[in-house]
Amino acid sequence: MRWLHIAKARYYQAYLEKDLLGDWTLITVWGGLGSRLGRMRTTGVASYADGQAQIQKIAKRRQQHGYEARPETPEYPIRTEAGER
């Protein structure tokens, strides 16, 4: 799931992925729009359901901070207003 805060030119992304051992991992990525700098955190979760619950908590917190949810499709890449990636 991806969230954007256009006024502050920030993004936040969270998704679940299986690691090489088959365990579920929550990956969160955040930074400034149009910047190559940012941060990434990988956190192990007990199950897919637990990871989904954590993503829902993140979604609530992002919404409280003024972020808007955006689809995670190639049609909506993270770009600046100038169109740079």
PDB file of N, CA and C in Angstrom:
ATOM      1  N   MET A   1       0.847  -1.163   0.000  1.00  0.00           N
ATOM      2  CA  MET A   1       0.000   0.000   0.000  1.00  0.00           C
ATOM      3  C   MET A   1       0.898   1.233   0.000  1.00  0.00           C
ATOM      4  N   ARG A   2       0.447   2.285  -0.643  1.00  0.00           N
ATOM      5  CA  ARG A   2       1.249   3.496  -0.759  1.00  0.00           C
ATOM      6  C   ARG A   2       0.428   4.697  -0.313  1.00  0.00           C
ATOM      7  N   TRP A   3       1.088   5.629   0.372  1.00  0.00           N
ATOM      8  CA  TRP A   3       0.451   6.868   0.808  1.00  0.00           C
ATOM      9  C   TRP A   3       1.323   8.038   0.374  1.00  0.00           C
ATOM     10  N   LEU A   4       0.672   9.120  -0.041  1.00  0.00           N
ATOM     11  CA  LEU A   4       1.380  10.333  -0.441  1.00  0.00           C
ATOM     12  C   LEU A   4       0.878  11.510   0.370  1.00  0.00           C
ATOM     13  N   HIS A   5       1.793  12.395   0.721  1.00  0.00           N
ATOM     14  CA  HIS A   5       1.452  13.674   1.339  1.00  0.00           C
ATOM     15  C   HIS A   5       1.979  14.724   0.382  1.00  0.00           C
ATOM     16  N   ILE A   6       1.100  15.173  -0.512  1.00  0.00           N
ATOM     17  CA  ILE A   6       1.507  16.069  -1.590  1.00  0.00           C
ATOM     18  C   ILE A   6       2.035  17.395  -1.045  1.00  0.00           C
ATOM     19  N   ALA A   7       1.361  17.964  -0.045  1.00  0.00           N
ATOM     20  CA  ALA A   7       1.772  19.274   0.489  1.00  0.00           C
ATOM     21  C   ALA A   7       3.188  19.233   1.059  1.00  0.00           C
ATOM     22  N   LYS A   8       3.566  18.141   1.674  1.00  0.00           N
ATOM     23  CA  LYS A   8       4.902  18.006   2.246  1.00  0.00           C
ATOM     24  C   LYS A   8       5.869  17.266   1.321  1.00  0.00           C
ATOM     25  N   ALA A   9       5.371  16.853   0.141  1.00  0.00           N
ATOM     26  CA  ALA A   9       6.179  16.113  -0.838  1.00  0.00           C
ATOM     27  C   ALA A   9       6.838  14.887  -0.205  1.00  0.00           C
ATOM     28  N   ARG A  10       6.008  14.072   0.484  1.00  0.00           N
ATOM     29  CA  ARG A  10       6.505  12.870   1.163  1.00  0.00           C
ATOM     30  C   ARG A  10       5.716  11.645   0.692  1.00  0.00           C
ATOM     31  N   TYR A  11       6.324  10.475   0.805  1.00  0.00           N
ATOM     32  CA  TYR A  11       5.631   9.223   0.517  1.00  0.00           C
ATOM     33  C   TYR A  11       5.940   8.210   1.602  1.00  0.00           C
ATOM     34  N   TYR A  12       5.070   7.211   1.714  1.00  0.00           N
ATOM     35  CA  TYR A  12       5.240   6.119   2.656  1.00  0.00           C
ATOM     36  C   TYR A  12       4.650   4.889   1.989  1.00  0.00           C
ATOM     37  N   GLN A  13       5.342   3.771   2.068  1.00  0.00           N
ATOM     38  CA  GLN A  13       4.879   2.553   1.427  1.00  0.00           C
ATOM     39  C   GLN A  13       5.087   1.382   2.373  1.00  0.00           C
ATOM     40  N   ALA A  14       4.123   0.463   2.407  1.00  0.00           N
ATOM     41  CA  ALA A  14       4.237  -0.732   3.246  1.00  0.00           C
ATOM     42  C   ALA A  14       3.683  -1.922   2.470  1.00  0.00           C
ATOM     43  N   TYR A  15       4.394  -3.037   2.520  1.00  0.00           N
ATOM     44  CA  TYR A  15       3.912  -4.236   1.846  1.00  0.00           C
ATOM     45  C   TYR A  15       4.499  -5.478   2.509  1.00  0.00           C
ATOM     46  N   LEU A  16       3.851  -6.605   2.244  1.00  0.00           N
ATOM     47  CA  LEU A  16       4.281  -7.887   2.788  1.00  0.00           C
ATOM     48  C   LEU A  16       4.950  -8.704   1.692  1.00  0.00           C
ATOM     49  N   GLU A  17       5.986  -9.416   2.089  1.00  0.00           N
ATOM     50  CA  GLU A  17       6.720 -10.268   1.162  1.00  0.00           C
ATOM     51  C   GLU A  17       7.245 -11.472   1.926  1.00  0.00           C
ATOM     52  N   LYS A  18       7.372 -12.593   1.256  1.00  0.00           N
ATOM     53  CA  LYS A  18       7.991 -13.762   1.888  1.00  0.00           C
ATOM     54  C   LYS A  18       9.497 -13.678   1.689  1.00  0.00           C
ATOM     55  N   ASP A  19      10.240 -14.040   2.726  1.00  0.00           N
ATOM     56  CA  ASP A  19      11.692 -14.051   2.598  1.00  0.00           C
ATOM     57  C   ASP A  19      12.150 -15.400   2.042  1.00  0.00           C
ATOM     58  N   LEU A  20      13.443 -15.616   1.959  1.00  0.00           N
ATOM     59  CA  LEU A  20      13.972 -16.848   1.373  1.00  0.00           C
ATOM     60  C   LEU A  20      13.617 -18.102   2.171  1.00  0.00           C
ATOM     61  N   LEU A  21      13.308 -17.919   3.452  1.00  0.00           N
ATOM     62  CA  LEU A  21      12.947 -19.063   4.294  1.00  0.00           C
ATOM     63  C   LEU A  21      11.443 -19.307   4.329  1.00  0.00           C
ATOM     64  N   GLY A  22      10.679 -18.473   3.611  1.00  0.00           N
ATOM     65  CA  GLY A  22       9.226 -18.642   3.572  1.00  0.00           C
ATOM     66  C   GLY A  22       8.489 -17.914   4.671  1.00  0.00           C
ATOM     67  N   ASP A  23       9.189 -17.102   5.463  1.00  0.00           N
ATOM     68  CA  ASP A  23       8.543 -16.338   6.524  1.00  0.00           C
ATOM     69  C   ASP A  23       8.042 -15.007   5.965  1.00  0.00           C
ATOM     70  N   TRP A  24       6.949 -14.485   6.540  1.00  0.00           N
ATOM     71  CA  TRP A  24       6.401 -13.207   6.099  1.00  0.00           C
ATOM     72  C   TRP A  24       7.193 -12.053   6.685  1.00  0.00           C
ATOM     73  N   THR A  25       7.424 -11.039   5.859  1.00  0.00           N
ATOM     74  CA  THR A  25       8.193  -9.861   6.235  1.00  0.00           C
ATOM     75  C   THR A  25       7.411  -8.614   5.847  1.00  0.00           C
ATOM     76  N   LEU A  26       7.337  -7.661   6.774  1.00  0.00           N
ATOM     77  CA  LEU A  26       6.723  -6.368   6.495  1.00  0.00           C
ATOM     78  C   LEU A  26       7.830  -5.407   6.093  1.00  0.00           C
ATOM     79  N   ILE A  27       7.691  -4.819   4.919  1.00  0.00           N
ATOM     80  CA  ILE A  27       8.689  -3.878   4.420  1.00  0.00           C
ATOM     81  C   ILE A  27       8.044  -2.496   4.361  1.00  0.00           C
ATOM     82  N   THR A  28       8.670  -1.527   5.007  1.00  0.00           N
ATOM     83  CA  THR A  28       8.196  -0.147   4.970  1.00  0.00           C
ATOM     84  C   THR A  28       9.279   0.727   4.357  1.00  0.00           C
ATOM     85  N   VAL A  29       8.850   1.633   3.482  1.00  0.00           N
ATOM     86  CA  VAL A  29       9.755   2.524   2.764  1.00  0.00           C
ATOM     87  C   VAL A  29       9.169   3.922   2.846  1.00  0.00           C
ATOM     88  N   TRP A  30      10.008   4.937   3.112  1.00  0.00           N
ATOM     89  CA  TRP A  30       9.508   6.304   3.182  1.00  0.00           C
ATOM     90  C   TRP A  30      10.586   7.278   2.758  1.00  0.00           C
ATOM     91  N   GLY A  31      10.151   8.465   2.353  1.00  0.00           N
ATOM     92  CA  GLY A  31      11.103   9.479   1.929  1.00  0.00           C
ATOM     93  C   GLY A  31      10.413  10.648   1.262  1.00  0.00           C
ATOM     94  N   GLY A  32      11.194  11.457   0.567  1.00  0.00           N
ATOM     95  CA  GLY A  32      10.671  12.632  -0.114  1.00  0.00           C
ATOM     96  C   GLY A  32      10.380  12.335  -1.579  1.00  0.00           C
ATOM     97  N   LEU A  33       9.297  12.907  -2.080  1.00  0.00           N
ATOM     98  CA  LEU A  33       8.962  12.745  -3.495  1.00  0.00           C
ATOM     99  C   LEU A  33      10.042  13.390  -4.345  1.00  0.00           C
ATOM    100  N   GLY A  34      10.473  12.693  -5.360  1.00  0.00           N
ATOM    101  CA  GLY A  34      11.480  13.220  -6.264  1.00  0.00           C
ATOM    102  C   GLY A  34      12.900  13.126  -5.745  1.00  0.00           C
ATOM    103  N   SER A  35      13.083  12.548  -4.580  1.00  0.00           N
ATOM    104  CA  SER A  35      14.409  12.419  -3.994  1.00  0.00           C
ATOM    105  C   SER A  35      14.873  10.971  -4.097  1.00  0.00           C
ATOM    106  N   ARG A  36      16.138  10.782  -4.302  1.00  0.00           N
ATOM    107  CA  ARG A  36      16.684   9.431  -4.317  1.00  0.00           C
ATOM    108  C   ARG A  36      16.996   8.946  -2.901  1.00  0.00           C
ATOM    109  N   LEU A  37      16.884   9.836  -1.937  1.00  0.00           N
ATOM    110  CA  LEU A  37      17.119   9.476  -0.550  1.00  0.00           C
ATOM    111  C   LEU A  37      15.830   8.977   0.080  1.00  0.00           C
ATOM    112  N   GLY A  38      15.947   8.153   1.060  1.00  0.00           N
ATOM    113  CA  GLY A  38      14.797   7.613   1.760  1.00  0.00           C
ATOM    114  C   GLY A  38      15.269   6.533   2.705  1.00  0.00           C
ATOM    115  N   ARG A  39      14.329   5.947   3.377  1.00  0.00           N
ATOM    116  CA  ARG A  39      14.652   4.886   4.338  1.00  0.00           C
ATOM    117  C   ARG A  39      13.812   3.661   4.051  1.00  0.00           C
ATOM    118  N   MET A  40      14.320   2.514   4.520  1.00  0.00           N
ATOM    119  CA  MET A  40      13.605   1.257   4.365  1.00  0.00           C
ATOM    120  C   MET A  40      13.804   0.443   5.630  1.00  0.00           C
ATOM    121  N   ARG A  41      12.737  -0.175   6.088  1.00  0.00           N
ATOM    122  CA  ARG A  41      12.819  -1.023   7.281  1.00  0.00           C
ATOM    123  C   ARG A  41      12.167  -2.365   6.962  1.00  0.00           C
ATOM    124  N   THR A  42      12.800  -3.429   7.362  1.00  0.00           N
ATOM    125  CA  THR A  42      12.271  -4.774   7.189  1.00  0.00           C
ATOM    126  C   THR A  42      12.005  -5.358   8.564  1.00  0.00           C
ATOM    127  N   THR A  43      10.769  -5.848   8.774  1.00  0.00           N
ATOM    128  CA  THR A  43      10.357  -6.379  10.071  1.00  0.00           C
ATOM    129  C   THR A  43       9.706  -7.738   9.864  1.00  0.00           C
ATOM    130  N   GLY A  44      10.152  -8.732  10.590  1.00  0.00           N
ATOM    131  CA  GLY A  44       9.517 -10.043  10.526  1.00  0.00           C
ATOM    132  C   GLY A  44       8.170 -10.018  11.228  1.00  0.00           C
ATOM    133  N   VAL A  45       7.178 -10.692  10.647  1.00  0.00           N
ATOM    134  CA  VAL A  45       5.850 -10.791  11.260  1.00  0.00           C
ATOM    135  C   VAL A  45       5.497 -12.263  11.421  1.00  0.00           C
ATOM    136  N   ALA A  46       4.633 -12.551  12.383  1.00  0.00           N
ATOM    137  CA  ALA A  46       4.294 -13.940  12.709  1.00  0.00           C
ATOM    138  C   ALA A  46       3.515 -14.635  11.594  1.00  0.00           C
ATOM    139  N   SER A  47       2.647 -13.888  10.912  1.00  0.00           N
ATOM    140  CA  SER A  47       1.816 -14.480   9.864  1.00  0.00           C
ATOM    141  C   SER A  47       1.373 -13.392   8.895  1.00  0.00           C
ATOM    142  N   TYR A  48       0.760 -13.831   7.799  1.00  0.00           N
ATOM    143  CA  TYR A  48       0.227 -12.881   6.822  1.00  0.00           C
ATOM    144  C   TYR A  48      -0.849 -12.008   7.468  1.00  0.00           C
ATOM    145  N   ALA A  49      -1.720 -12.617   8.268  1.00  0.00           N
ATOM    146  CA  ALA A  49      -2.791 -11.871   8.941  1.00  0.00           C
ATOM    147  C   ALA A  49      -2.212 -10.827   9.892  1.00  0.00           C
ATOM    148  N   ASP A  50      -1.159 -11.174  10.617  1.00  0.00           N
ATOM    149  CA  ASP A  50      -0.506 -10.230  11.521  1.00  0.00           C
ATOM    150  C   ASP A  50       0.087  -9.068  10.728  1.00  0.00           C
ATOM    151  N   GLY A  51       0.684  -9.363   9.592  1.00  0.00           N
ATOM    152  CA  GLY A  51       1.239  -8.320   8.736  1.00  0.00           C
ATOM    153  C   GLY A  51       0.158  -7.394   8.202  1.00  0.00           C
ATOM    154  N   GLN A  52      -0.983  -7.959   7.803  1.00  0.00           N
ATOM    155  CA  GLN A  52      -2.100  -7.136   7.326  1.00  0.00           C
ATOM    156  C   GLN A  52      -2.617  -6.228   8.436  1.00  0.00           C
ATOM    157  N   ALA A  53      -2.681  -6.740   9.652  1.00  0.00           N
ATOM    158  CA  ALA A  53      -3.118  -5.931  10.794  1.00  0.00           C
ATOM    159  C   ALA A  53      -2.154  -4.768  11.029  1.00  0.00           C
ATOM    160  N   GLN A  54      -0.862  -5.015  10.891  1.00  0.00           N
ATOM    161  CA  GLN A  54       0.120  -3.948  11.063  1.00  0.00           C
ATOM    162  C   GLN A  54       0.000  -2.905   9.959  1.00  0.00           C
ATOM    163  N   ILE A  55      -0.280  -3.348   8.730  1.00  0.00           N
ATOM    164  CA  ILE A  55      -0.467  -2.406   7.630  1.00  0.00           C
ATOM    165  C   ILE A  55      -1.699  -1.543   7.880  1.00  0.00           C
ATOM    166  N   GLN A  56      -2.757  -2.121   8.448  1.00  0.00           N
ATOM    167  CA  GLN A  56      -3.952  -1.336   8.760  1.00  0.00           C
ATOM    168  C   GLN A  56      -3.643  -0.272   9.821  1.00  0.00           C
ATOM    169  N   LYS A  57      -2.818  -0.605  10.801  1.00  0.00           N
ATOM    170  CA  LYS A  57      -2.406   0.382  11.809  1.00  0.00           C
ATOM    171  C   LYS A  57      -1.595   1.504  11.163  1.00  0.00           C
ATOM    172  N   ILE A  58      -0.709   1.133  10.248  1.00  0.00           N
ATOM    173  CA  ILE A  58       0.094   2.132   9.537  1.00  0.00           C
ATOM    174  C   ILE A  58      -0.822   3.028   8.713  1.00  0.00           C
ATOM    175  N   ALA A  59      -1.806   2.442   8.035  1.00  0.00           N
ATOM    176  CA  ALA A  59      -2.743   3.215   7.213  1.00  0.00           C
ATOM    177  C   ALA A  59      -3.490   4.245   8.064  1.00  0.00           C
ATOM    178  N   LYS A  60      -3.932   3.843   9.231  1.00  0.00           N
ATOM    179  CA  LYS A  60      -4.644   4.764  10.132  1.00  0.00           C
ATOM    180  C   LYS A  60      -3.730   5.914  10.555  1.00  0.00           C
ATOM    181  N   ARG A  61      -2.493   5.583  10.901  1.00  0.00           N
ATOM    182  CA  ARG A  61      -1.540   6.599  11.335  1.00  0.00           C
ATOM    183  C   ARG A  61      -1.183   7.556  10.189  1.00  0.00           C
ATOM    184  N   ARG A  62      -0.983   7.020   8.993  1.00  0.00           N
ATOM    185  CA  ARG A  62      -0.672   7.879   7.843  1.00  0.00           C
ATOM    186  C   ARG A  62      -1.834   8.829   7.551  1.00  0.00           C
ATOM    187  N   GLN A  63      -3.064   8.320   7.621  1.00  0.00           N
ATOM    188  CA  GLN A  63      -4.236   9.156   7.368  1.00  0.00           C
ATOM    189  C   GLN A  63      -4.332  10.273   8.407  1.00  0.00           C
ATOM    190  N   GLN A  64      -4.035   9.980   9.656  1.00  0.00           N
ATOM    191  CA  GLN A  64      -4.056  10.994  10.718  1.00  0.00           C
ATOM    192  C   GLN A  64      -3.026  12.086  10.462  1.00  0.00           C
ATOM    193  N   HIS A  65      -1.966  11.753   9.757  1.00  0.00           N
ATOM    194  CA  HIS A  65      -0.905  12.710   9.461  1.00  0.00           C
ATOM    195  C   HIS A  65      -1.068  13.395   8.103  1.00  0.00           C
ATOM    196  N   GLY A  66      -2.226  13.204   7.460  1.00  0.00           N
ATOM    197  CA  GLY A  66      -2.526  13.921   6.231  1.00  0.00           C
ATOM    198  C   GLY A  66      -2.132  13.228   4.942  1.00  0.00           C
ATOM    199  N   TYR A  67      -1.726  11.969   5.005  1.00  0.00           N
ATOM    200  CA  TYR A  67      -1.369  11.226   3.800  1.00  0.00           C
ATOM    201  C   TYR A  67      -2.634  10.692   3.130  1.00  0.00           C
ATOM    202  N   GLU A  68      -2.591  10.540   1.809  1.00  0.00           N
ATOM    203  CA  GLU A  68      -3.687   9.961   1.041  1.00  0.00           C
ATOM    204  C   GLU A  68      -3.235   8.635   0.455  1.00  0.00           C
ATOM    205  N   ALA A  69      -4.101   7.622   0.531  1.00  0.00           N
ATOM    206  CA  ALA A  69      -3.775   6.316  -0.040  1.00  0.00           C
ATOM    207  C   ALA A  69      -3.818   6.419  -1.558  1.00  0.00           C
ATOM    208  N   ARG A  70      -2.862   5.800  -2.213  1.00  0.00           N
ATOM    209  CA  ARG A  70      -2.794   5.772  -3.678  1.00  0.00           C
ATOM    210  C   ARG A  70      -2.579   4.332  -4.122  1.00  0.00           C
ATOM    211  N   PRO A  71      -3.089   3.983  -5.293  1.00  0.00           N
ATOM    212  CA  PRO A  71      -2.886   2.616  -5.793  1.00  0.00           C
ATOM    213  C   PRO A  71      -1.415   2.335  -6.085  1.00  0.00           C
ATOM    214  N   GLU A  72      -1.065   1.073  -5.995  1.00  0.00           N
ATOM    215  CA  GLU A  72       0.317   0.648  -6.269  1.00  0.00           C
ATOM    216  C   GLU A  72       0.404   0.057  -7.665  1.00  0.00           C
ATOM    217  N   THR A  73       0.199   0.871  -8.659  1.00  0.00           N
ATOM    218  CA  THR A  73       0.264   0.383 -10.028  1.00  0.00           C
ATOM    219  C   THR A  73       1.295   1.188 -10.803  1.00  0.00           C
ATOM    220  N   PRO A  74       1.794   0.646 -11.899  1.00  0.00           N
ATOM    221  CA  PRO A  74       2.767   1.394 -12.712  1.00  0.00           C
ATOM    222  C   PRO A  74       2.196   2.703 -13.265  1.00  0.00           C
ATOM    223  N   GLU A  75       0.846   2.800 -13.345  1.00  0.00           N
ATOM    224  CA  GLU A  75       0.237   4.027 -13.844  1.00  0.00           C
ATOM    225  C   GLU A  75       0.398   5.177 -12.858  1.00  0.00           C
ATOM    226  N   TYR A  76       0.676   4.874 -11.586  1.00  0.00           N
ATOM    227  CA  TYR A  76       0.822   5.895 -10.555  1.00  0.00           C
ATOM    228  C   TYR A  76       2.187   5.810  -9.888  1.00  0.00           C
ATOM    229  N   PRO A  77       3.271   6.029 -10.635  1.00  0.00           N
ATOM    230  CA  PRO A  77       4.596   5.975  -9.999  1.00  0.00           C
ATOM    231  C   PRO A  77       4.810   7.189  -9.105  1.00  0.00           C
ATOM    232  N   ILE A  78       5.744   7.090  -8.186  1.00  0.00           N
ATOM    233  CA  ILE A  78       6.085   8.214  -7.321  1.00  0.00           C
ATOM    234  C   ILE A  78       6.937   9.162  -8.148  1.00  0.00           C
ATOM    235  N   ARG A  79       6.411  10.358  -8.414  1.00  0.00           N
ATOM    236  CA  ARG A  79       7.109  11.344  -9.241  1.00  0.00           C
ATOM    237  C   ARG A  79       6.939  12.739  -8.649  1.00  0.00           C
ATOM    238  N   THR A  80       7.820  13.631  -9.050  1.00  0.00           N
ATOM    239  CA  THR A  80       7.660  15.040  -8.696  1.00  0.00           C
ATOM    240  C   THR A  80       6.705  15.671  -9.691  1.00  0.00           C
ATOM    241  N   GLU A  81       6.350  16.924  -9.466  1.00  0.00           N
ATOM    242  CA  GLU A  81       5.464  17.618 -10.390  1.00  0.00           C
ATOM    243  C   GLU A  81       6.127  17.808 -11.752  1.00  0.00           C
ATOM    244  N   ALA A  82       7.446  17.830 -11.788  1.00  0.00           N
ATOM    245  CA  ALA A  82       8.172  17.986 -13.045  1.00  0.00           C
ATOM    246  C   ALA A  82       8.205  16.680 -13.838  1.00  0.00           C
ATOM    247  N   GLY A  83       7.738  15.602 -13.215  1.00  0.00           N
ATOM    248  CA  GLY A  83       7.715  14.319 -13.904  1.00  0.00           C
ATOM    249  C   GLY A  83       8.969  13.501 -13.732  1.00  0.00           C
ATOM    250  N   GLU A  84       9.905  13.948 -12.905  1.00  0.00           N
ATOM    251  CA  GLU A  84      11.123  13.179 -12.670  1.00  0.00           C
ATOM    252  C   GLU A  84      10.841  12.066 -11.688  1.00  0.00           C
ATOM    253  N   ARG A  85      11.554  11.016 -11.792  1.00  0.00           N
ATOM    254  CA  ARG A  85      11.374   9.892 -10.889  1.00  0.00           C
ATOM    255  C   ARG A  85      12.437   9.854  -9.850  1.00  0.00           C
TER     256      ARG A  85
END
